[in-house]
């Protein structure tokens, strides 16, 4: 019984860390892109804080649709999805930074 409870608590904690990581990393991308790309074009837009950018990223994420495909477990690669979820914000930020360097 204790092992099951510890497992459930561990899963909830790991999911919480994953959600916080996703919100913070995409919030940083949103924050940087706001100042790099939106404010130079639309200077009358309000300045945002990092917390506002995290909230905006979470709000935009609510409207993101996920494909629902039925794929057998033996054909599914779970590690690829986890690695992509971890590095996608940073790859996006690097490409945005490169574009920012070109247009600045």
PDB file of N, CA and C in Angstrom:
ATOM      1  N   UNK A   1       0.814  -1.198   0.000  1.00  0.00           N
ATOM      2  CA  UNK A   1       0.000   0.000   0.000  1.00  0.00           C
ATOM      3  C   UNK A   1       0.857   1.262   0.000  1.00  0.00           C
ATOM      4  N   UNK A   2       1.925   1.251   0.803  1.00  0.00           N
ATOM      5  CA  UNK A   2       2.823   2.405   0.874  1.00  0.00           C
ATOM      6  C   UNK A   2       3.523   2.612  -0.466  1.00  0.00           C
ATOM      7  N   UNK A   3       3.918   1.503  -1.123  1.00  0.00           N
ATOM      8  CA  UNK A   3       4.612   1.619  -2.405  1.00  0.00           C
ATOM      9  C   UNK A   3       3.722   2.276  -3.455  1.00  0.00           C
ATOM     10  N   UNK A   4       2.450   1.938  -3.448  1.00  0.00           N
ATOM     11  CA  UNK A   4       1.509   2.516  -4.411  1.00  0.00           C
ATOM     12  C   UNK A   4       1.347   4.007  -4.141  1.00  0.00           C
ATOM     13  N   UNK A   5       1.219   4.374  -2.881  1.00  0.00           N
ATOM     14  CA  UNK A   5       1.071   5.782  -2.514  1.00  0.00           C
ATOM     15  C   UNK A   5       2.314   6.589  -2.897  1.00  0.00           C
ATOM     16  N   UNK A   6       3.488   6.039  -2.640  1.00  0.00           N
ATOM     17  CA  UNK A   6       4.732   6.715  -2.995  1.00  0.00           C
ATOM     18  C   UNK A   6       4.831   6.857  -4.513  1.00  0.00           C
ATOM     19  N   UNK A   7       4.436   5.826  -5.250  1.00  0.00           N
ATOM     20  CA  UNK A   7       4.461   5.881  -6.714  1.00  0.00           C
ATOM     21  C   UNK A   7       3.521   6.953  -7.238  1.00  0.00           C
ATOM     22  N   UNK A   8       2.333   7.045  -6.687  1.00  0.00           N
ATOM     23  CA  UNK A   8       1.364   8.052  -7.110  1.00  0.00           C
ATOM     24  C   UNK A   8       1.892   9.458  -6.814  1.00  0.00           C
ATOM     25  N   UNK A   9       2.452   9.650  -5.633  1.00  0.00           N
ATOM     26  CA  UNK A   9       3.009  10.957  -5.271  1.00  0.00           C
ATOM     27  C   UNK A   9       4.167  11.317  -6.189  1.00  0.00           C
ATOM     28  N   UNK A  10       5.024  10.352  -6.504  1.00  0.00           N
ATOM     29  CA  UNK A  10       6.158  10.595  -7.397  1.00  0.00           C
ATOM     30  C   UNK A  10       5.680  10.977  -8.796  1.00  0.00           C
ATOM     31  N   UNK A  11       4.665  10.304  -9.279  1.00  0.00           N
ATOM     32  CA  UNK A  11       4.122  10.614 -10.606  1.00  0.00           C
ATOM     33  C   UNK A  11       3.531  12.023 -10.623  1.00  0.00           C
ATOM     34  N   UNK A  12       2.787  12.385  -9.595  1.00  0.00           N
ATOM     35  CA  UNK A  12       2.187  13.720  -9.522  1.00  0.00           C
ATOM     36  C   UNK A  12       3.275  14.797  -9.448  1.00  0.00           C
ATOM     37  N   UNK A  13       4.327  14.561  -8.665  1.00  0.00           N
ATOM     38  CA  UNK A  13       5.420  15.524  -8.551  1.00  0.00           C
ATOM     39  C   UNK A  13       6.144  15.666  -9.885  1.00  0.00           C
ATOM     40  N   UNK A  14       6.434  14.554 -10.558  1.00  0.00           N
ATOM     41  CA  UNK A  14       7.118  14.613 -11.850  1.00  0.00           C
ATOM     42  C   UNK A  14       6.263  15.308 -12.910  1.00  0.00           C
ATOM     43  N   UNK A  15       4.970  15.053 -12.908  1.00  0.00           N
ATOM     44  CA  UNK A  15       4.087  15.758 -13.840  1.00  0.00           C
ATOM     45  C   UNK A  15       4.053  17.257 -13.543  1.00  0.00           C
ATOM     46  N   UNK A  16       4.037  17.613 -12.275  1.00  0.00           N
ATOM     47  CA  UNK A  16       4.057  19.022 -11.899  1.00  0.00           C
ATOM     48  C   UNK A  16       5.334  19.709 -12.338  1.00  0.00           C
ATOM     49  N   UNK A  17       6.462  19.024 -12.167  1.00  0.00           N
ATOM     50  CA  UNK A  17       7.738  19.586 -12.617  1.00  0.00           C
ATOM     51  C   UNK A  17       7.734  19.753 -14.128  1.00  0.00           C
ATOM     52  N   UNK A  18       7.179  18.780 -14.845  1.00  0.00           N
ATOM     53  CA  UNK A  18       7.102  18.876 -16.296  1.00  0.00           C
ATOM     54  C   UNK A  18       6.235  20.038 -16.755  1.00  0.00           C
ATOM     55  N   UNK A  19       5.111  20.226 -16.098  1.00  0.00           N
ATOM     56  CA  UNK A  19       4.221  21.341 -16.457  1.00  0.00           C
ATOM     57  C   UNK A  19       4.896  22.673 -16.163  1.00  0.00           C
ATOM     58  N   UNK A  20       5.542  22.784 -15.016  1.00  0.00           N
ATOM     59  CA  UNK A  20       6.244  24.027 -14.675  1.00  0.00           C
ATOM     60  C   UNK A  20       7.397  24.304 -15.644  1.00  0.00           C
ATOM     61  N   UNK A  21       8.131  23.250 -16.021  1.00  0.00           N
ATOM     62  CA  UNK A  21       9.222  23.420 -16.977  1.00  0.00           C
ATOM     63  C   UNK A  21       8.682  23.904 -18.321  1.00  0.00           C
ATOM     64  N   UNK A  22       7.629  23.271 -18.795  1.00  0.00           N
ATOM     65  CA  UNK A  22       7.049  23.669 -20.078  1.00  0.00           C
ATOM     66  C   UNK A  22       6.537  25.092 -20.055  1.00  0.00           C
ATOM     67  N   UNK A  23       5.854  25.456 -18.989  1.00  0.00           N
ATOM     68  CA  UNK A  23       5.319  26.819 -18.887  1.00  0.00           C
ATOM     69  C   UNK A  23       6.449  27.843 -18.802  1.00  0.00           C
ATOM     70  N   UNK A  24       7.468  27.565 -18.012  1.00  0.00           N
ATOM     71  CA  UNK A  24       8.558  28.527 -17.849  1.00  0.00           C
ATOM     72  C   UNK A  24       9.401  28.641 -19.116  1.00  0.00           C
ATOM     73  N   UNK A  25       9.694  27.521 -19.763  1.00  0.00           N
ATOM     74  CA  UNK A  25      10.547  27.591 -20.949  1.00  0.00           C
ATOM     75  C   UNK A  25       9.823  28.258 -22.117  1.00  0.00           C
ATOM     76  N   UNK A  26       8.562  27.891 -22.346  1.00  0.00           N
ATOM     77  CA  UNK A  26       7.819  28.555 -23.428  1.00  0.00           C
ATOM     78  C   UNK A  26       7.490  29.999 -23.064  1.00  0.00           C
ATOM     79  N   UNK A  27       7.349  30.280 -21.760  1.00  0.00           N
ATOM     80  CA  UNK A  27       7.152  31.661 -21.319  1.00  0.00           C
ATOM     81  C   UNK A  27       8.376  32.515 -21.606  1.00  0.00           C
ATOM     82  N   UNK A  28       9.568  31.949 -21.439  1.00  0.00           N
ATOM     83  CA  UNK A  28      10.785  32.678 -21.766  1.00  0.00           C
ATOM     84  C   UNK A  28      10.853  32.961 -23.267  1.00  0.00           C
ATOM     85  N   UNK A  29      10.482  31.982 -24.079  1.00  0.00           N
ATOM     86  CA  UNK A  29      10.462  32.191 -25.531  1.00  0.00           C
ATOM     87  C   UNK A  29       9.469  33.303 -25.880  1.00  0.00           C
ATOM     88  N   UNK A  30       8.293  33.256 -25.277  1.00  0.00           N
ATOM     89  CA  UNK A  30       7.281  34.286 -25.529  1.00  0.00           C
ATOM     90  C   UNK A  30       7.788  35.660 -25.084  1.00  0.00           C
ATOM     91  N   UNK A  31       8.431  35.709 -23.938  1.00  0.00           N
ATOM     92  CA  UNK A  31       8.968  36.966 -23.400  1.00  0.00           C
ATOM     93  C   UNK A  31      10.012  37.562 -24.339  1.00  0.00           C
ATOM     94  N   UNK A  32      10.961  36.760 -24.782  1.00  0.00           N
ATOM     95  CA  UNK A  32      12.009  37.246 -25.685  1.00  0.00           C
ATOM     96  C   UNK A  32      11.437  37.660 -27.034  1.00  0.00           C
ATOM     97  N   UNK A  33      10.553  36.844 -27.588  1.00  0.00           N
ATOM     98  CA  UNK A  33       9.969  37.161 -28.888  1.00  0.00           C
ATOM     99  C   UNK A  33       9.142  38.435 -28.824  1.00  0.00           C
ATOM    100  N   UNK A  34       8.498  38.681 -27.690  1.00  0.00           N
ATOM    101  CA  UNK A  34       7.710  39.895 -27.525  1.00  0.00           C
ATOM    102  C   UNK A  34       8.606  41.122 -27.708  1.00  0.00           C
ATOM    103  N   UNK A  35       9.750  41.118 -27.058  1.00  0.00           N
ATOM    104  CA  UNK A  35      10.645  42.271 -27.134  1.00  0.00           C
ATOM    105  C   UNK A  35      11.460  42.309 -28.421  1.00  0.00           C
ATOM    106  N   UNK A  36      11.738  41.162 -29.002  1.00  0.00           N
ATOM    107  CA  UNK A  36      12.528  41.135 -30.225  1.00  0.00           C
ATOM    108  C   UNK A  36      11.706  41.475 -31.467  1.00  0.00           C
ATOM    109  N   UNK A  37      10.477  40.987 -31.519  1.00  0.00           N
ATOM    110  CA  UNK A  37       9.718  41.062 -32.762  1.00  0.00           C
ATOM    111  C   UNK A  37       8.455  41.921 -32.692  1.00  0.00           C
ATOM    112  N   UNK A  38       7.745  41.913 -31.596  1.00  0.00           N
ATOM    113  CA  UNK A  38       6.481  42.640 -31.540  1.00  0.00           C
ATOM    114  C   UNK A  38       6.646  44.114 -31.197  1.00  0.00           C
ATOM    115  N   UNK A  39       7.417  44.419 -30.163  1.00  0.00           N
ATOM    116  CA  UNK A  39       7.549  45.829 -29.764  1.00  0.00           C
ATOM    117  C   UNK A  39       8.223  46.710 -30.811  1.00  0.00           C
ATOM    118  N   UNK A  40       9.216  46.237 -31.559  1.00  0.00           N
ATOM    119  CA  UNK A  40       9.762  47.112 -32.602  1.00  0.00           C
ATOM    120  C   UNK A  40       8.748  47.453 -33.696  1.00  0.00           C
ATOM    121  N   UNK A  41       7.834  46.540 -33.968  1.00  0.00           N
ATOM    122  CA  UNK A  41       6.841  46.785 -35.017  1.00  0.00           C
ATOM    123  C   UNK A  41       5.639  47.550 -34.473  1.00  0.00           C
ATOM    124  N   UNK A  42       5.211  47.193 -33.262  1.00  0.00           N
ATOM    125  CA  UNK A  42       4.052  47.828 -32.628  1.00  0.00           C
ATOM    126  C   UNK A  42       4.488  48.443 -31.297  1.00  0.00           C
ATOM    127  N   UNK A  43       5.098  49.636 -31.315  1.00  0.00           N
ATOM    128  CA  UNK A  43       5.638  50.210 -30.071  1.00  0.00           C
ATOM    129  C   UNK A  43       4.574  50.591 -29.048  1.00  0.00           C
ATOM    130  N   UNK A  44       3.321  50.666 -29.451  1.00  0.00           N
ATOM    131  CA  UNK A  44       2.282  51.035 -28.493  1.00  0.00           C
ATOM    132  C   UNK A  44       1.807  49.839 -27.661  1.00  0.00           C
ATOM    133  N   UNK A  45       2.273  48.637 -27.980  1.00  0.00           N
ATOM    134  CA  UNK A  45       1.910  47.471 -27.176  1.00  0.00           C
ATOM    135  C   UNK A  45       2.494  47.603 -25.776  1.00  0.00           C
ATOM    136  N   UNK A  46       1.828  47.053 -24.787  1.00  0.00           N
ATOM    137  CA  UNK A  46       2.367  47.150 -23.431  1.00  0.00           C
ATOM    138  C   UNK A  46       3.599  46.271 -23.251  1.00  0.00           C
ATOM    139  N   UNK A  47       4.445  46.664 -22.341  1.00  0.00           N
ATOM    140  CA  UNK A  47       5.591  45.831 -21.987  1.00  0.00           C
ATOM    141  C   UNK A  47       5.093  44.719 -21.076  1.00  0.00           C
ATOM    142  N   UNK A  48       5.651  43.536 -21.230  1.00  0.00           N
ATOM    143  CA  UNK A  48       5.219  42.404 -20.422  1.00  0.00           C
ATOM    144  C   UNK A  48       6.362  41.964 -19.523  1.00  0.00           C
ATOM    145  N   UNK A  49       5.996  41.391 -18.400  1.00  0.00           N
ATOM    146  CA  UNK A  49       6.979  40.783 -17.514  1.00  0.00           C
ATOM    147  C   UNK A  49       7.091  39.304 -17.865  1.00  0.00           C
ATOM    148  N   UNK A  50       8.064  38.655 -17.262  1.00  0.00           N
ATOM    149  CA  UNK A  50       8.221  37.214 -17.489  1.00  0.00           C
ATOM    150  C   UNK A  50       6.976  36.456 -17.030  1.00  0.00           C
ATOM    151  N   UNK A  51       6.400  36.866 -15.905  1.00  0.00           N
ATOM    152  CA  UNK A  51       5.191  36.193 -15.404  1.00  0.00           C
ATOM    153  C   UNK A  51       4.029  36.359 -16.377  1.00  0.00           C
ATOM    154  N   UNK A  52       3.891  37.552 -16.971  1.00  0.00           N
ATOM    155  CA  UNK A  52       2.848  37.755 -17.974  1.00  0.00           C
ATOM    156  C   UNK A  52       3.084  36.860 -19.187  1.00  0.00           C
ATOM    157  N   UNK A  53       4.343  36.740 -19.596  1.00  0.00           N
ATOM    158  CA  UNK A  53       4.667  35.917 -20.759  1.00  0.00           C
ATOM    159  C   UNK A  53       4.382  34.446 -20.485  1.00  0.00           C
ATOM    160  N   UNK A  54       4.658  33.987 -19.273  1.00  0.00           N
ATOM    161  CA  UNK A  54       4.335  32.594 -18.916  1.00  0.00           C
ATOM    162  C   UNK A  54       2.830  32.391 -18.973  1.00  0.00           C
ATOM    163  N   UNK A  55       2.081  33.313 -18.403  1.00  0.00           N
ATOM    164  CA  UNK A  55       0.625  33.209 -18.455  1.00  0.00           C
ATOM    165  C   UNK A  55       0.093  33.250 -19.874  1.00  0.00           C
ATOM    166  N   UNK A  56       0.665  34.097 -20.705  1.00  0.00           N
ATOM    167  CA  UNK A  56       0.254  34.174 -22.100  1.00  0.00           C
ATOM    168  C   UNK A  56       0.589  32.889 -22.848  1.00  0.00           C
ATOM    169  N   UNK A  57       1.751  32.315 -22.570  1.00  0.00           N
ATOM    170  CA  UNK A  57       2.134  31.054 -23.205  1.00  0.00           C
ATOM    171  C   UNK A  57       1.198  29.922 -22.785  1.00  0.00           C
ATOM    172  N   UNK A  58       0.822  29.891 -21.514  1.00  0.00           N
ATOM    173  CA  UNK A  58      -0.121  28.866 -21.052  1.00  0.00           C
ATOM    174  C   UNK A  58      -1.484  29.081 -21.702  1.00  0.00           C
ATOM    175  N   UNK A  59      -1.912  30.336 -21.802  1.00  0.00           N
ATOM    176  CA  UNK A  59      -3.203  30.638 -22.423  1.00  0.00           C
ATOM    177  C   UNK A  59      -3.211  30.218 -23.891  1.00  0.00           C
ATOM    178  N   UNK A  60      -2.155  30.544 -24.619  1.00  0.00           N
ATOM    179  CA  UNK A  60      -2.072  30.149 -26.023  1.00  0.00           C
ATOM    180  C   UNK A  60      -2.018  28.624 -26.146  1.00  0.00           C
ATOM    181  N   UNK A  61      -1.336  27.981 -25.206  1.00  0.00           N
ATOM    182  CA  UNK A  61      -1.249  26.523 -25.213  1.00  0.00           C
ATOM    183  C   UNK A  61      -2.589  25.827 -25.017  1.00  0.00           C
ATOM    184  N   UNK A  62      -3.548  26.523 -24.421  1.00  0.00           N
ATOM    185  CA  UNK A  62      -4.879  25.932 -24.256  1.00  0.00           C
ATOM    186  C   UNK A  62      -5.551  25.651 -25.594  1.00  0.00           C
ATOM    187  N   UNK A  63      -5.185  26.415 -26.605  1.00  0.00           N
ATOM    188  CA  UNK A  63      -5.817  26.267 -27.906  1.00  0.00           C
ATOM    189  C   UNK A  63      -5.008  25.403 -28.863  1.00  0.00           C
ATOM    190  N   UNK A  64      -3.939  24.822 -28.369  1.00  0.00           N
ATOM    191  CA  UNK A  64      -3.100  23.947 -29.184  1.00  0.00           C
ATOM    192  C   UNK A  64      -3.758  22.570 -29.260  1.00  0.00           C
ATOM    193  N   UNK A  65      -3.973  22.106 -30.462  1.00  0.00           N
ATOM    194  CA  UNK A  65      -4.598  20.790 -30.617  1.00  0.00           C
ATOM    195  C   UNK A  65      -3.524  19.721 -30.751  1.00  0.00           C
ATOM    196  N   UNK A  66      -3.835  18.559 -30.241  1.00  0.00           N
ATOM    197  CA  UNK A  66      -2.918  17.428 -30.292  1.00  0.00           C
ATOM    198  C   UNK A  66      -3.547  16.366 -31.172  1.00  0.00           C
ATOM    199  N   UNK A  67      -2.738  15.825 -32.072  1.00  0.00           N
ATOM    200  CA  UNK A  67      -3.253  14.771 -32.934  1.00  0.00           C
ATOM    201  C   UNK A  67      -3.500  13.521 -32.110  1.00  0.00           C
ATOM    202  N   UNK A  68      -4.614  12.911 -32.348  1.00  0.00           N
ATOM    203  CA  UNK A  68      -4.904  11.652 -31.658  1.00  0.00           C
ATOM    204  C   UNK A  68      -4.821  10.521 -32.673  1.00  0.00           C
ATOM    205  N   UNK A  69      -3.720   9.827 -32.621  1.00  0.00           N
ATOM    206  CA  UNK A  69      -3.506   8.703 -33.511  1.00  0.00           C
ATOM    207  C   UNK A  69      -3.432   7.438 -32.678  1.00  0.00           C
ATOM    208  N   UNK A  70      -3.971   6.394 -33.215  1.00  0.00           N
ATOM    209  CA  UNK A  70      -3.889   5.116 -32.540  1.00  0.00           C
ATOM    210  C   UNK A  70      -2.688   4.378 -33.113  1.00  0.00           C
ATOM    211  N   UNK A  71      -1.624   4.336 -32.337  1.00  0.00           N
ATOM    212  CA  UNK A  71      -0.396   3.663 -32.744  1.00  0.00           C
ATOM    213  C   UNK A  71      -0.088   2.597 -31.702  1.00  0.00           C
ATOM    214  N   UNK A  72       0.257   1.425 -32.188  1.00  0.00           N
ATOM    215  CA  UNK A  72       0.594   0.345 -31.261  1.00  0.00           C
ATOM    216  C   UNK A  72       1.835   0.716 -30.459  1.00  0.00           C
ATOM    217  N   UNK A  73       1.880   0.209 -29.238  1.00  0.00           N
ATOM    218  CA  UNK A  73       2.992   0.528 -28.334  1.00  0.00           C
ATOM    219  C   UNK A  73       4.344   0.155 -28.932  1.00  0.00           C
ATOM    220  N   UNK A  74       4.417  -0.959 -29.656  1.00  0.00           N
ATOM    221  CA  UNK A  74       5.714  -1.391 -30.173  1.00  0.00           C
ATOM    222  C   UNK A  74       6.248  -0.481 -31.283  1.00  0.00           C
ATOM    223  N   UNK A  75       5.367   0.321 -31.895  1.00  0.00           N
ATOM    224  CA  UNK A  75       5.792   1.248 -32.941  1.00  0.00           C
ATOM    225  C   UNK A  75       5.995   2.674 -32.429  1.00  0.00           C
ATOM    226  N   UNK A  76       5.633   2.899 -31.194  1.00  0.00           N
ATOM    227  CA  UNK A  76       5.695   4.234 -30.622  1.00  0.00           C
ATOM    228  C   UNK A  76       7.024   4.437 -29.898  1.00  0.00           C
ATOM    229  N   UNK A  77       7.672   5.576 -30.138  1.00  0.00           N
ATOM    230  CA  UNK A  77       8.927   5.897 -29.475  1.00  0.00           C
ATOM    231  C   UNK A  77       8.662   7.010 -28.464  1.00  0.00           C
ATOM    232  N   UNK A  78       8.554   6.645 -27.197  1.00  0.00           N
ATOM    233  CA  UNK A  78       8.228   7.606 -26.140  1.00  0.00           C
ATOM    234  C   UNK A  78       9.389   8.562 -25.868  1.00  0.00           C
ATOM    235  N   UNK A  79      10.623   8.097 -26.009  1.00  0.00           N
ATOM    236  CA  UNK A  79      11.763   8.950 -25.679  1.00  0.00           C
ATOM    237  C   UNK A  79      11.881  10.104 -26.663  1.00  0.00           C
ATOM    238  N   UNK A  80      11.516   9.886 -27.916  1.00  0.00           N
ATOM    239  CA  UNK A  80      11.585  10.958 -28.906  1.00  0.00           C
ATOM    240  C   UNK A  80      10.653  12.101 -28.523  1.00  0.00           C
ATOM    241  N   UNK A  81       9.459  11.786 -28.066  1.00  0.00           N
ATOM    242  CA  UNK A  81       8.517  12.818 -27.651  1.00  0.00           C
ATOM    243  C   UNK A  81       8.994  13.580 -26.432  1.00  0.00           C
ATOM    244  N   UNK A  82       9.612  12.876 -25.479  1.00  0.00           N
ATOM    245  CA  UNK A  82      10.112  13.551 -24.282  1.00  0.00           C
ATOM    246  C   UNK A  82      11.290  14.459 -24.612  1.00  0.00           C
ATOM    247  N   UNK A  83      12.205  13.983 -25.433  1.00  0.00           N
ATOM    248  CA  UNK A  83      13.355  14.807 -25.818  1.00  0.00           C
ATOM    249  C   UNK A  83      12.885  16.031 -26.592  1.00  0.00           C
ATOM    250  N   UNK A  84      11.922  15.847 -27.484  1.00  0.00           N
ATOM    251  CA  UNK A  84      11.390  16.970 -28.248  1.00  0.00           C
ATOM    252  C   UNK A  84      10.725  17.992 -27.335  1.00  0.00           C
ATOM    253  N   UNK A  85       9.985  17.514 -26.339  1.00  0.00           N
ATOM    254  CA  UNK A  85       9.335  18.437 -25.407  1.00  0.00           C
ATOM    255  C   UNK A  85      10.352  19.217 -24.588  1.00  0.00           C
ATOM    256  N   UNK A  86      11.514  18.635 -24.334  1.00  0.00           N
ATOM    257  CA  UNK A  86      12.535  19.309 -23.534  1.00  0.00           C
ATOM    258  C   UNK A  86      13.304  20.324 -24.365  1.00  0.00           C
ATOM    259  N   UNK A  87      13.665  19.979 -25.609  1.00  0.00           N
ATOM    260  CA  UNK A  87      14.546  20.866 -26.378  1.00  0.00           C
ATOM    261  C   UNK A  87      13.813  21.801 -27.335  1.00  0.00           C
ATOM    262  N   UNK A  88      12.531  21.574 -27.602  1.00  0.00           N
ATOM    263  CA  UNK A  88      11.805  22.399 -28.573  1.00  0.00           C
ATOM    264  C   UNK A  88      11.810  23.891 -28.232  1.00  0.00           C
ATOM    265  N   UNK A  89      11.594  24.297 -26.977  1.00  0.00           N
ATOM    266  CA  UNK A  89      11.622  25.739 -26.700  1.00  0.00           C
ATOM    267  C   UNK A  89      12.993  26.358 -26.958  1.00  0.00           C
ATOM    268  N   UNK A  90      14.052  25.626 -26.670  1.00  0.00           N
ATOM    269  CA  UNK A  90      15.394  26.172 -26.814  1.00  0.00           C
ATOM    270  C   UNK A  90      15.803  26.248 -28.287  1.00  0.00           C
ATOM    271  N   UNK A  91      15.383  25.274 -29.083  1.00  0.00           N
ATOM    272  CA  UNK A  91      15.643  25.343 -30.524  1.00  0.00           C
ATOM    273  C   UNK A  91      14.881  26.524 -31.123  1.00  0.00           C
ATOM    274  N   UNK A  92      13.643  26.706 -30.698  1.00  0.00           N
ATOM    275  CA  UNK A  92      12.844  27.837 -31.158  1.00  0.00           C
ATOM    276  C   UNK A  92      13.496  29.161 -30.767  1.00  0.00           C
ATOM    277  N   UNK A  93      13.999  29.233 -29.538  1.00  0.00           N
ATOM    278  CA  UNK A  93      14.649  30.457 -29.071  1.00  0.00           C
ATOM    279  C   UNK A  93      15.924  30.751 -29.862  1.00  0.00           C
ATOM    280  N   UNK A  94      16.708  29.727 -30.167  1.00  0.00           N
ATOM    281  CA  UNK A  94      17.942  29.930 -30.936  1.00  0.00           C
ATOM    282  C   UNK A  94      17.620  30.431 -32.338  1.00  0.00           C
ATOM    283  N   UNK A  95      16.631  29.820 -33.001  1.00  0.00           N
ATOM    284  CA  UNK A  95      16.261  30.290 -34.335  1.00  0.00           C
ATOM    285  C   UNK A  95      15.710  31.716 -34.289  1.00  0.00           C
ATOM    286  N   UNK A  96      14.925  32.029 -33.281  1.00  0.00           N
ATOM    287  CA  UNK A  96      14.427  33.395 -33.133  1.00  0.00           C
ATOM    288  C   UNK A  96      15.548  34.385 -32.895  1.00  0.00           C
ATOM    289  N   UNK A  97      16.540  33.981 -32.094  1.00  0.00           N
ATOM    290  CA  UNK A  97      17.683  34.845 -31.829  1.00  0.00           C
ATOM    291  C   UNK A  97      18.474  35.106 -33.109  1.00  0.00           C
ATOM    292  N   UNK A  98      18.655  34.046 -33.924  1.00  0.00           N
ATOM    293  CA  UNK A  98      19.359  34.231 -35.199  1.00  0.00           C
ATOM    294  C   UNK A  98      18.609  35.183 -36.123  1.00  0.00           C
ATOM    295  N   UNK A  99      17.301  35.037 -36.183  1.00  0.00           N
ATOM    296  CA  UNK A  99      16.502  35.952 -37.001  1.00  0.00           C
ATOM    297  C   UNK A  99      16.596  37.374 -36.444  1.00  0.00           C
ATOM    298  N   UNK A 100      16.563  37.491 -35.122  1.00  0.00           N
ATOM    299  CA  UNK A 100      16.691  38.801 -34.482  1.00  0.00           C
ATOM    300  C   UNK A 100      18.023  39.464 -34.831  1.00  0.00           C
ATOM    301  N   UNK A 101      19.107  38.669 -34.878  1.00  0.00           N
ATOM    302  CA  UNK A 101      20.410  39.221 -35.245  1.00  0.00           C
ATOM    303  C   UNK A 101      20.423  39.723 -36.673  1.00  0.00           C
ATOM    304  N   UNK A 102      19.706  39.026 -37.557  1.00  0.00           N
ATOM    305  CA  UNK A 102      19.699  39.408 -38.967  1.00  0.00           C
ATOM    306  C   UNK A 102      18.906  40.699 -39.175  1.00  0.00           C
ATOM    307  N   UNK A 103      17.774  40.844 -38.500  1.00  0.00           N
ATOM    308  CA  UNK A 103      16.916  41.997 -38.743  1.00  0.00           C
ATOM    309  C   UNK A 103      17.266  43.202 -37.889  1.00  0.00           C
ATOM    310  N   UNK A 104      18.073  42.998 -36.863  1.00  0.00           N
ATOM    311  CA  UNK A 104      18.395  44.123 -35.961  1.00  0.00           C
ATOM    312  C   UNK A 104      19.433  45.039 -36.548  1.00  0.00           C
TER     313      UNK A 104
END
